[in-house]
């Protein structure tokens, strides 16, 4: 089983990366929180890895912090939450905020996350409340900022939100609302954070 992968960042997107380790490219699925912290393509990176083995595939899920990986592993213990959904959850809410929501039984906050319905939220609280209360609830490091042209930024952000489960019209409206309310340049990281905050209302 893979537990840690270190190599050159060959490709990055909002949902996955390819890490070149000795000429072999490993596809690693990531949450947006990890995407925010990625360096430029070609730089060296290191990911804490959870290896998910299925009958027809081996999938790698990567995180920049051990705490986030621990949160992910707790979530997939809950019936109805698989690795892909757990990644989406961590893309819509930070690990510390998720810990607070579960520990406090905040169902209203949990059901705003794409893919999490009332029953799943209730199971999370029931099964993970005590475990989450033991996790360190420190805020993660801030994102690395990368400026991109506005049209590319909007398209990339829209694609990322659709990958998280938001319908295109809803995601597009959120992005346009956020972009229209602010002056100056935004990075994709800033735009996604503000859009997710808008969608959570």
C-alpha atoms as a PDB file:
ATOM      1  CA  UNK A   1       0.000   0.000   0.000  1.00  0.00           C
ATOM      2  CA  UNK A   2       1.172   3.513  -0.785  1.00  0.00           C
ATOM      3  CA  UNK A   3       1.330   5.858   2.215  1.00  0.00           C
ATOM      4  CA  UNK A   4       3.463   8.701   0.865  1.00  0.00           C
ATOM      5  CA  UNK A   5       4.411   9.775  -2.658  1.00  0.00           C
ATOM      6  CA  UNK A   6       7.145  12.307  -3.408  1.00  0.00           C
ATOM      7  CA  UNK A   7       8.100  13.369  -6.912  1.00  0.00           C
ATOM      8  CA  UNK A   8       7.739  16.004  -9.625  1.00  0.00           C
ATOM      9  CA  UNK A   9       4.337  17.552 -10.255  1.00  0.00           C
ATOM     10  CA  UNK A  10       3.706  16.637 -13.902  1.00  0.00           C
ATOM     11  CA  UNK A  11       0.090  17.813 -14.128  1.00  0.00           C
ATOM     12  CA  UNK A  12      -2.468  19.446 -11.857  1.00  0.00           C
ATOM     13  CA  UNK A  13      -6.176  20.171 -11.965  1.00  0.00           C
ATOM     14  CA  UNK A  14      -8.815  20.948  -9.364  1.00  0.00           C
ATOM     15  CA  UNK A  15      -9.597  17.260  -8.832  1.00  0.00           C
ATOM     16  CA  UNK A  16      -6.392  15.322  -9.545  1.00  0.00           C
ATOM     17  CA  UNK A  17      -2.661  15.478 -10.104  1.00  0.00           C
ATOM     18  CA  UNK A  18      -0.062  13.342 -11.811  1.00  0.00           C
ATOM     19  CA  UNK A  19       3.156  12.864  -9.870  1.00  0.00           C
ATOM     20  CA  UNK A  20       6.254  11.765 -11.776  1.00  0.00           C
ATOM     21  CA  UNK A  21       8.272   9.400  -9.606  1.00  0.00           C
ATOM     22  CA  UNK A  22      11.324   8.099 -11.413  1.00  0.00           C
ATOM     23  CA  UNK A  23       9.647   8.334 -14.802  1.00  0.00           C
ATOM     24  CA  UNK A  24       6.381   6.712 -13.669  1.00  0.00           C
ATOM     25  CA  UNK A  25       3.315   8.940 -13.463  1.00  0.00           C
ATOM     26  CA  UNK A  26       0.956   8.308 -10.552  1.00  0.00           C
ATOM     27  CA  UNK A  27      -2.602   9.641 -10.806  1.00  0.00           C
ATOM     28  CA  UNK A  28      -3.671  11.017  -7.437  1.00  0.00           C
ATOM     29  CA  UNK A  29      -7.154  12.337  -6.644  1.00  0.00           C
ATOM     30  CA  UNK A  30      -7.141  15.415  -4.418  1.00  0.00           C
ATOM     31  CA  UNK A  31      -9.606  17.760  -2.689  1.00  0.00           C
ATOM     32  CA  UNK A  32      -9.659  21.474  -3.493  1.00  0.00           C
ATOM     33  CA  UNK A  33      -7.917  22.239  -0.205  1.00  0.00           C
ATOM     34  CA  UNK A  34      -4.883  20.325  -1.468  1.00  0.00           C
ATOM     35  CA  UNK A  35      -5.160  21.940  -4.907  1.00  0.00           C
ATOM     36  CA  UNK A  36      -4.934  25.365  -3.254  1.00  0.00           C
ATOM     37  CA  UNK A  37      -1.495  24.473  -1.860  1.00  0.00           C
ATOM     38  CA  UNK A  38       0.061  22.992  -4.994  1.00  0.00           C
ATOM     39  CA  UNK A  39       3.272  24.527  -6.375  1.00  0.00           C
ATOM     40  CA  UNK A  40       3.879  25.154 -10.055  1.00  0.00           C
ATOM     41  CA  UNK A  41       4.003  22.237 -12.492  1.00  0.00           C
ATOM     42  CA  UNK A  42       7.518  20.836 -12.572  1.00  0.00           C
ATOM     43  CA  UNK A  43       8.185  21.465  -8.887  1.00  0.00           C
ATOM     44  CA  UNK A  44       8.617  18.673  -6.378  1.00  0.00           C
ATOM     45  CA  UNK A  45       5.660  17.698  -4.201  1.00  0.00           C
ATOM     46  CA  UNK A  46       4.845  15.217  -1.472  1.00  0.00           C
ATOM     47  CA  UNK A  47       1.419  13.760  -0.711  1.00  0.00           C
ATOM     48  CA  UNK A  48       0.067  11.708   2.172  1.00  0.00           C
ATOM     49  CA  UNK A  49      -1.659   8.863   0.343  1.00  0.00           C
ATOM     50  CA  UNK A  50      -4.673   6.697   1.028  1.00  0.00           C
ATOM     51  CA  UNK A  51      -4.697   3.641  -1.268  1.00  0.00           C
ATOM     52  CA  UNK A  52      -8.145   2.406  -2.218  1.00  0.00           C
ATOM     53  CA  UNK A  53      -8.241  -1.065  -3.754  1.00  0.00           C
ATOM     54  CA  UNK A  54     -11.221  -2.138  -5.862  1.00  0.00           C
ATOM     55  CA  UNK A  55     -11.770  -5.281  -7.907  1.00  0.00           C
ATOM     56  CA  UNK A  56     -10.863  -3.513 -11.123  1.00  0.00           C
ATOM     57  CA  UNK A  57      -8.617  -0.646 -10.012  1.00  0.00           C
ATOM     58  CA  UNK A  58      -6.247   0.788  -7.446  1.00  0.00           C
ATOM     59  CA  UNK A  59      -6.966   4.447  -6.725  1.00  0.00           C
ATOM     60  CA  UNK A  60      -4.723   6.890  -4.892  1.00  0.00           C
ATOM     61  CA  UNK A  61      -6.119   9.787  -2.859  1.00  0.00           C
ATOM     62  CA  UNK A  62      -3.624  12.434  -1.808  1.00  0.00           C
ATOM     63  CA  UNK A  63      -3.437  15.149   0.835  1.00  0.00           C
ATOM     64  CA  UNK A  64      -0.890  17.792   1.740  1.00  0.00           C
ATOM     65  CA  UNK A  65      -1.477  17.351   5.474  1.00  0.00           C
ATOM     66  CA  UNK A  66      -1.670  14.286   7.674  1.00  0.00           C
ATOM     67  CA  UNK A  67      -4.656  15.784   9.527  1.00  0.00           C
ATOM     68  CA  UNK A  68      -6.677  15.995   6.328  1.00  0.00           C
ATOM     69  CA  UNK A  69      -5.833  12.388   5.460  1.00  0.00           C
ATOM     70  CA  UNK A  70      -6.985  11.343   8.953  1.00  0.00           C
ATOM     71  CA  UNK A  71     -10.270  13.195   8.431  1.00  0.00           C
ATOM     72  CA  UNK A  72     -10.737  11.465   5.068  1.00  0.00           C
ATOM     73  CA  UNK A  73     -10.108   8.025   6.618  1.00  0.00           C
ATOM     74  CA  UNK A  74     -12.683   8.699   9.322  1.00  0.00           C
ATOM     75  CA  UNK A  75     -15.302   9.704   6.776  1.00  0.00           C
ATOM     76  CA  UNK A  76     -14.986   6.585   4.624  1.00  0.00           C
ATOM     77  CA  UNK A  77     -15.779   4.490   7.703  1.00  0.00           C
ATOM     78  CA  UNK A  78     -19.347   5.835   7.516  1.00  0.00           C
ATOM     79  CA  UNK A  79     -21.825   3.722   5.552  1.00  0.00           C
ATOM     80  CA  UNK A  80     -22.702   5.464   2.297  1.00  0.00           C
ATOM     81  CA  UNK A  81     -19.512   7.546   2.094  1.00  0.00           C
ATOM     82  CA  UNK A  82     -16.943   6.287  -0.394  1.00  0.00           C
ATOM     83  CA  UNK A  83     -13.562   7.832  -1.230  1.00  0.00           C
ATOM     84  CA  UNK A  84     -14.868  10.036  -4.060  1.00  0.00           C
ATOM     85  CA  UNK A  85     -17.621  11.490  -1.874  1.00  0.00           C
ATOM     86  CA  UNK A  86     -15.167  12.012   0.989  1.00  0.00           C
ATOM     87  CA  UNK A  87     -12.888  13.953  -1.374  1.00  0.00           C
ATOM     88  CA  UNK A  88     -15.861  16.091  -2.457  1.00  0.00           C
ATOM     89  CA  UNK A  89     -16.737  16.760   1.176  1.00  0.00           C
ATOM     90  CA  UNK A  90     -13.213  18.024   1.877  1.00  0.00           C
ATOM     91  CA  UNK A  91     -13.484  20.201  -1.238  1.00  0.00           C
ATOM     92  CA  UNK A  92     -16.594  21.871   0.145  1.00  0.00           C
ATOM     93  CA  UNK A  93     -15.560  22.282   3.765  1.00  0.00           C
ATOM     94  CA  UNK A  94     -12.205  22.414   5.550  1.00  0.00           C
ATOM     95  CA  UNK A  95     -11.203  19.578   7.865  1.00  0.00           C
ATOM     96  CA  UNK A  96     -11.341  21.813  10.993  1.00  0.00           C
ATOM     97  CA  UNK A  97     -14.786  23.151  10.052  1.00  0.00           C
ATOM     98  CA  UNK A  98     -16.032  19.632   9.322  1.00  0.00           C
ATOM     99  CA  UNK A  99     -14.765  18.498  12.707  1.00  0.00           C
ATOM    100  CA  UNK A 100     -16.639  21.354  14.386  1.00  0.00           C
ATOM    101  CA  UNK A 101     -19.841  20.640  12.449  1.00  0.00           C
ATOM    102  CA  UNK A 102     -19.802  16.911  13.252  1.00  0.00           C
ATOM    103  CA  UNK A 103     -18.764  17.399  16.879  1.00  0.00           C
ATOM    104  CA  UNK A 104     -21.480  20.003  17.347  1.00  0.00           C
ATOM    105  CA  UNK A 105     -24.140  17.994  15.510  1.00  0.00           C
ATOM    106  CA  UNK A 106     -24.615  20.835  13.013  1.00  0.00           C
ATOM    107  CA  UNK A 107     -26.791  19.005  10.472  1.00  0.00           C
ATOM    108  CA  UNK A 108     -27.782  22.259   8.765  1.00  0.00           C
ATOM    109  CA  UNK A 109     -24.151  22.897   7.798  1.00  0.00           C
ATOM    110  CA  UNK A 110     -23.441  19.314   6.788  1.00  0.00           C
ATOM    111  CA  UNK A 111     -26.362  19.028   4.360  1.00  0.00           C
ATOM    112  CA  UNK A 112     -25.099  22.079   2.422  1.00  0.00           C
ATOM    113  CA  UNK A 113     -22.172  19.943   1.210  1.00  0.00           C
ATOM    114  CA  UNK A 114     -22.829  18.398  -2.239  1.00  0.00           C
ATOM    115  CA  UNK A 115     -23.658  14.698  -1.947  1.00  0.00           C
ATOM    116  CA  UNK A 116     -24.477  14.821   1.771  1.00  0.00           C
ATOM    117  CA  UNK A 117     -28.155  14.349   2.505  1.00  0.00           C
ATOM    118  CA  UNK A 118     -29.875  14.416   5.868  1.00  0.00           C
ATOM    119  CA  UNK A 119     -29.501  10.681   6.524  1.00  0.00           C
ATOM    120  CA  UNK A 120     -25.792  10.672   5.675  1.00  0.00           C
ATOM    121  CA  UNK A 121     -25.251  13.754   7.828  1.00  0.00           C
ATOM    122  CA  UNK A 122     -27.025  12.063  10.735  1.00  0.00           C
ATOM    123  CA  UNK A 123     -24.847   8.955  10.325  1.00  0.00           C
ATOM    124  CA  UNK A 124     -21.721  11.117  10.301  1.00  0.00           C
ATOM    125  CA  UNK A 125     -22.703  12.765  13.560  1.00  0.00           C
ATOM    126  CA  UNK A 126     -23.725   9.476  15.175  1.00  0.00           C
ATOM    127  CA  UNK A 127     -20.632   7.520  14.138  1.00  0.00           C
ATOM    128  CA  UNK A 128     -17.934  10.192  14.140  1.00  0.00           C
ATOM    129  CA  UNK A 129     -18.839  12.752  16.792  1.00  0.00           C
ATOM    130  CA  UNK A 130     -16.495  11.343  19.430  1.00  0.00           C
ATOM    131  CA  UNK A 131     -13.706  10.600  16.948  1.00  0.00           C
ATOM    132  CA  UNK A 132     -13.774  14.062  15.416  1.00  0.00           C
ATOM    133  CA  UNK A 133     -13.673  15.702  18.818  1.00  0.00           C
ATOM    134  CA  UNK A 134     -10.208  14.177  19.272  1.00  0.00           C
ATOM    135  CA  UNK A 135      -8.773  15.597  16.039  1.00  0.00           C
ATOM    136  CA  UNK A 136      -6.638  18.691  16.065  1.00  0.00           C
ATOM    137  CA  UNK A 137      -8.881  21.571  14.873  1.00  0.00           C
ATOM    138  CA  UNK A 138      -6.196  23.923  13.594  1.00  0.00           C
ATOM    139  CA  UNK A 139      -6.868  25.883  10.425  1.00  0.00           C
ATOM    140  CA  UNK A 140      -4.882  24.761   7.377  1.00  0.00           C
ATOM    141  CA  UNK A 141      -2.179  26.826   5.784  1.00  0.00           C
ATOM    142  CA  UNK A 142      -3.347  29.447   3.335  1.00  0.00           C
ATOM    143  CA  UNK A 143      -3.469  28.716  -0.395  1.00  0.00           C
ATOM    144  CA  UNK A 144      -0.724  29.396  -2.872  1.00  0.00           C
ATOM    145  CA  UNK A 145      -1.890  32.136  -5.195  1.00  0.00           C
ATOM    146  CA  UNK A 146      -1.677  31.878  -8.967  1.00  0.00           C
ATOM    147  CA  UNK A 147      -3.085  34.535 -11.305  1.00  0.00           C
ATOM    148  CA  UNK A 148      -4.712  33.378 -14.566  1.00  0.00           C
ATOM    149  CA  UNK A 149      -6.716  35.152 -17.299  1.00  0.00           C
ATOM    150  CA  UNK A 150     -10.305  35.872 -16.286  1.00  0.00           C
ATOM    151  CA  UNK A 151     -12.047  33.734 -18.939  1.00  0.00           C
ATOM    152  CA  UNK A 152      -9.822  30.735 -18.223  1.00  0.00           C
ATOM    153  CA  UNK A 153     -10.266  31.259 -14.495  1.00  0.00           C
ATOM    154  CA  UNK A 154     -14.070  31.250 -14.775  1.00  0.00           C
ATOM    155  CA  UNK A 155     -14.106  28.130 -16.971  1.00  0.00           C
ATOM    156  CA  UNK A 156     -11.735  26.240 -14.670  1.00  0.00           C
ATOM    157  CA  UNK A 157     -13.727  27.254 -11.608  1.00  0.00           C
ATOM    158  CA  UNK A 158     -16.991  26.195 -13.263  1.00  0.00           C
ATOM    159  CA  UNK A 159     -15.497  22.809 -14.153  1.00  0.00           C
ATOM    160  CA  UNK A 160     -14.260  22.338 -10.580  1.00  0.00           C
ATOM    161  CA  UNK A 161     -17.707  23.109  -9.115  1.00  0.00           C
ATOM    162  CA  UNK A 162     -19.389  20.720 -11.556  1.00  0.00           C
ATOM    163  CA  UNK A 163     -16.942  17.995 -10.474  1.00  0.00           C
ATOM    164  CA  UNK A 164     -18.076  18.622  -6.904  1.00  0.00           C
ATOM    165  CA  UNK A 165     -21.679  17.878  -7.868  1.00  0.00           C
ATOM    166  CA  UNK A 166     -23.129  21.330  -8.490  1.00  0.00           C
ATOM    167  CA  UNK A 167     -25.351  21.728 -11.550  1.00  0.00           C
ATOM    168  CA  UNK A 168     -23.859  24.013 -14.212  1.00  0.00           C
ATOM    169  CA  UNK A 169     -26.547  26.758 -14.014  1.00  0.00           C
ATOM    170  CA  UNK A 170     -26.240  26.923 -10.211  1.00  0.00           C
ATOM    171  CA  UNK A 171     -22.434  26.916 -10.265  1.00  0.00           C
ATOM    172  CA  UNK A 172     -22.278  29.495 -13.054  1.00  0.00           C
ATOM    173  CA  UNK A 173     -24.664  31.824 -11.223  1.00  0.00           C
ATOM    174  CA  UNK A 174     -22.583  31.592  -8.038  1.00  0.00           C
ATOM    175  CA  UNK A 175     -19.364  32.365  -9.913  1.00  0.00           C
ATOM    176  CA  UNK A 176     -20.935  35.314 -11.727  1.00  0.00           C
ATOM    177  CA  UNK A 177     -22.346  36.685  -8.479  1.00  0.00           C
ATOM    178  CA  UNK A 178     -18.961  36.451  -6.773  1.00  0.00           C
ATOM    179  CA  UNK A 179     -17.023  37.840  -9.739  1.00  0.00           C
ATOM    180  CA  UNK A 180     -19.455  40.704 -10.227  1.00  0.00           C
ATOM    181  CA  UNK A 181     -19.331  41.760  -6.582  1.00  0.00           C
ATOM    182  CA  UNK A 182     -15.556  42.197  -6.473  1.00  0.00           C
ATOM    183  CA  UNK A 183     -13.069  44.490  -8.154  1.00  0.00           C
ATOM    184  CA  UNK A 184      -9.579  43.545  -9.273  1.00  0.00           C
ATOM    185  CA  UNK A 185      -8.011  40.230 -10.156  1.00  0.00           C
ATOM    186  CA  UNK A 186      -8.902  37.022  -8.389  1.00  0.00           C
ATOM    187  CA  UNK A 187      -7.031  33.737  -8.337  1.00  0.00           C
ATOM    188  CA  UNK A 188      -8.929  30.502  -9.022  1.00  0.00           C
ATOM    189  CA  UNK A 189      -8.352  29.565  -5.379  1.00  0.00           C
ATOM    190  CA  UNK A 190     -10.002  32.784  -4.154  1.00  0.00           C
ATOM    191  CA  UNK A 191     -12.872  32.474  -6.630  1.00  0.00           C
ATOM    192  CA  UNK A 192     -13.636  28.870  -5.658  1.00  0.00           C
ATOM    193  CA  UNK A 193     -13.563  29.650  -1.950  1.00  0.00           C
ATOM    194  CA  UNK A 194     -15.961  32.578  -2.356  1.00  0.00           C
ATOM    195  CA  UNK A 195     -18.246  30.618  -4.676  1.00  0.00           C
ATOM    196  CA  UNK A 196     -18.438  27.682  -2.250  1.00  0.00           C
ATOM    197  CA  UNK A 197     -19.219  30.108   0.569  1.00  0.00           C
ATOM    198  CA  UNK A 198     -21.994  31.621  -1.561  1.00  0.00           C
ATOM    199  CA  UNK A 199     -23.402  28.173  -2.404  1.00  0.00           C
ATOM    200  CA  UNK A 200     -23.398  27.155   1.261  1.00  0.00           C
ATOM    201  CA  UNK A 201     -25.826  29.935   2.186  1.00  0.00           C
END
